C-alpha atoms as a PDB file:
ATOM      1  CA  UNK A   1       0.000   0.000   0.000  1.00  0.00           C
ATOM      2  CA  UNK A   2       1.691   3.228  -1.234  1.00  0.00           C
ATOM      3  CA  UNK A   3       1.828   6.283   0.985  1.00  0.00           C
ATOM      4  CA  UNK A   4      -0.839   8.864   0.203  1.00  0.00           C
ATOM      5  CA  UNK A   5       1.723  11.606   0.761  1.00  0.00           C
ATOM      6  CA  UNK A   6       3.946  10.194  -1.968  1.00  0.00           C
ATOM      7  CA  UNK A   7       1.090   9.376  -4.311  1.00  0.00           C
ATOM      8  CA  UNK A   8       1.162  11.800  -7.281  1.00  0.00           C
ATOM      9  CA  UNK A   9      -2.470  10.984  -8.011  1.00  0.00           C
ATOM     10  CA  UNK A  10      -3.606  13.059  -5.046  1.00  0.00           C
ATOM     11  CA  UNK A  11      -5.373  16.332  -5.933  1.00  0.00           C
ATOM     12  CA  UNK A  12      -3.364  19.530  -5.360  1.00  0.00           C
ATOM     13  CA  UNK A  13      -4.289  21.240  -2.092  1.00  0.00           C
ATOM     14  CA  UNK A  14      -2.828  24.517  -3.341  1.00  0.00           C
ATOM     15  CA  UNK A  15      -5.280  27.256  -4.373  1.00  0.00           C
ATOM     16  CA  UNK A  16      -5.778  27.488  -8.137  1.00  0.00           C
ATOM     17  CA  UNK A  17      -4.546  30.852  -9.538  1.00  0.00           C
ATOM     18  CA  UNK A  18      -7.619  32.376 -11.173  1.00  0.00           C
ATOM     19  CA  UNK A  19      -6.907  35.014 -13.877  1.00  0.00           C
ATOM     20  CA  UNK A  20      -8.540  38.129 -12.429  1.00  0.00           C
ATOM     21  CA  UNK A  21      -7.731  41.466 -14.150  1.00  0.00           C
ATOM     22  CA  UNK A  22      -8.544  43.345 -10.948  1.00  0.00           C
ATOM     23  CA  UNK A  23      -4.986  44.112  -9.896  1.00  0.00           C
ATOM     24  CA  UNK A  24      -3.843  44.422 -13.511  1.00  0.00           C
ATOM     25  CA  UNK A  25      -5.905  47.459 -14.427  1.00  0.00           C
END
């Protein structure tokens, strides 16, 4: 049984960078 921490199939817990032109303009 492989470790879940080492399993690359686990979904990323990092927040997805959403392209928002709020700070750009």
